[in-house]
Amino acid sequence: MSYQDVKGEARRLKLDGFQARIFQHEFDHLQGVLFQDRMSPEVLATVQPQLEALERAWAAAQRKTRR
């Protein structure tokens, strides 16, 4: 990965394994990409009901906190 440090100097960092995975996950957040966006349609279909249940539970919890 290439980046600039706090002094504006160009830096490079090689990430692999778990560190690379964590970086990609956090970078995806900045780009608005969710983990399910990276799933194949076949895999997504197997977990879609659980994801929708999580969304409903989150929405219900949000409604309770707004009261």
Protein backbone atom coordinates (compact mmCIF):
# COMPACT_ATOMS: atom_id res chain seq x y z
CA MET A 1 0.00 0.00 0.00
CA SER A 2 1.20 3.52 -0.72
CA TYR A 3 0.37 6.47 1.50
CA GLN A 4 1.65 9.78 2.83
CA ASP A 5 2.76 10.15 6.42
CA VAL A 6 1.82 13.14 8.59
CA LYS A 7 4.74 15.10 7.10
CA GLY A 8 3.50 14.47 3.56
CA GLU A 9 6.30 12.04 2.72
CA ALA A 10 5.48 9.10 0.46
CA ARG A 11 5.58 5.74 2.19
CA ARG A 12 4.98 2.14 1.17
CA LEU A 13 3.89 -0.72 3.35
CA LYS A 14 3.53 -4.36 2.36
CA LEU A 15 0.71 -6.12 4.14
CA ASP A 16 -0.11 -9.79 3.97
CA GLY A 17 -2.21 -12.31 5.78
CA PHE A 18 -4.48 -11.05 8.53
CA GLN A 19 -3.09 -7.49 8.39
CA ALA A 20 -3.94 -7.25 4.70
CA ARG A 21 -7.41 -8.57 5.35
CA ILE A 22 -8.03 -6.04 8.13
CA PHE A 23 -6.76 -3.19 5.96
CA GLN A 24 -9.01 -4.22 3.05
CA HIS A 25 -12.00 -4.45 5.39
CA GLU A 26 -11.43 -0.96 6.79
CA PHE A 27 -10.69 0.51 3.35
CA ASP A 28 -13.93 -1.00 2.09
CA HIS A 29 -15.78 0.86 4.86
CA LEU A 30 -14.33 4.15 3.58
CA GLN A 31 -15.48 3.26 0.06
CA GLY A 32 -18.98 2.22 1.19
CA VAL A 33 -18.42 -1.46 0.38
CA LEU A 34 -19.97 -4.04 2.70
CA PHE A 35 -18.75 -7.61 3.16
CA GLN A 36 -21.82 -9.00 1.42
CA ASP A 37 -20.96 -6.89 -1.65
CA ARG A 38 -17.96 -9.16 -2.15
CA MET A 39 -19.93 -12.42 -1.92
CA SER A 40 -20.84 -14.39 -4.99
CA PRO A 41 -24.57 -14.40 -5.76
CA GLU A 42 -24.74 -18.07 -4.79
CA VAL A 43 -23.17 -17.52 -1.36
CA LEU A 44 -25.19 -14.36 -0.76
CA ALA A 45 -28.40 -16.28 -1.43
CA THR A 46 -27.54 -18.72 1.36
CA VAL A 47 -27.14 -15.96 3.98
CA GLN A 48 -29.67 -13.42 2.71
CA PRO A 49 -32.40 -14.41 5.21
CA GLN A 50 -30.01 -14.00 8.15
CA LEU A 51 -28.80 -10.62 6.87
CA GLU A 52 -32.36 -9.39 6.49
CA ALA A 53 -33.18 -10.58 10.04
CA LEU A 54 -30.17 -8.63 11.35
CA GLU A 55 -31.34 -5.53 9.49
CA ARG A 56 -34.84 -5.83 10.97
CA ALA A 57 -33.43 -6.31 14.48
CA TRP A 58 -31.18 -3.27 14.07
CA ALA A 59 -34.05 -1.13 12.79
CA ALA A 60 -36.25 -2.19 15.72
CA ALA A 61 -33.48 -1.33 18.20
CA GLN A 62 -33.09 2.09 16.57
CA ARG A 63 -36.78 2.80 16.90
CA LYS A 64 -36.61 1.97 20.62
CA THR A 65 -33.68 4.32 21.25
CA ARG A 66 -35.44 7.22 19.50
CA ARG A 67 -38.39 7.13 21.88
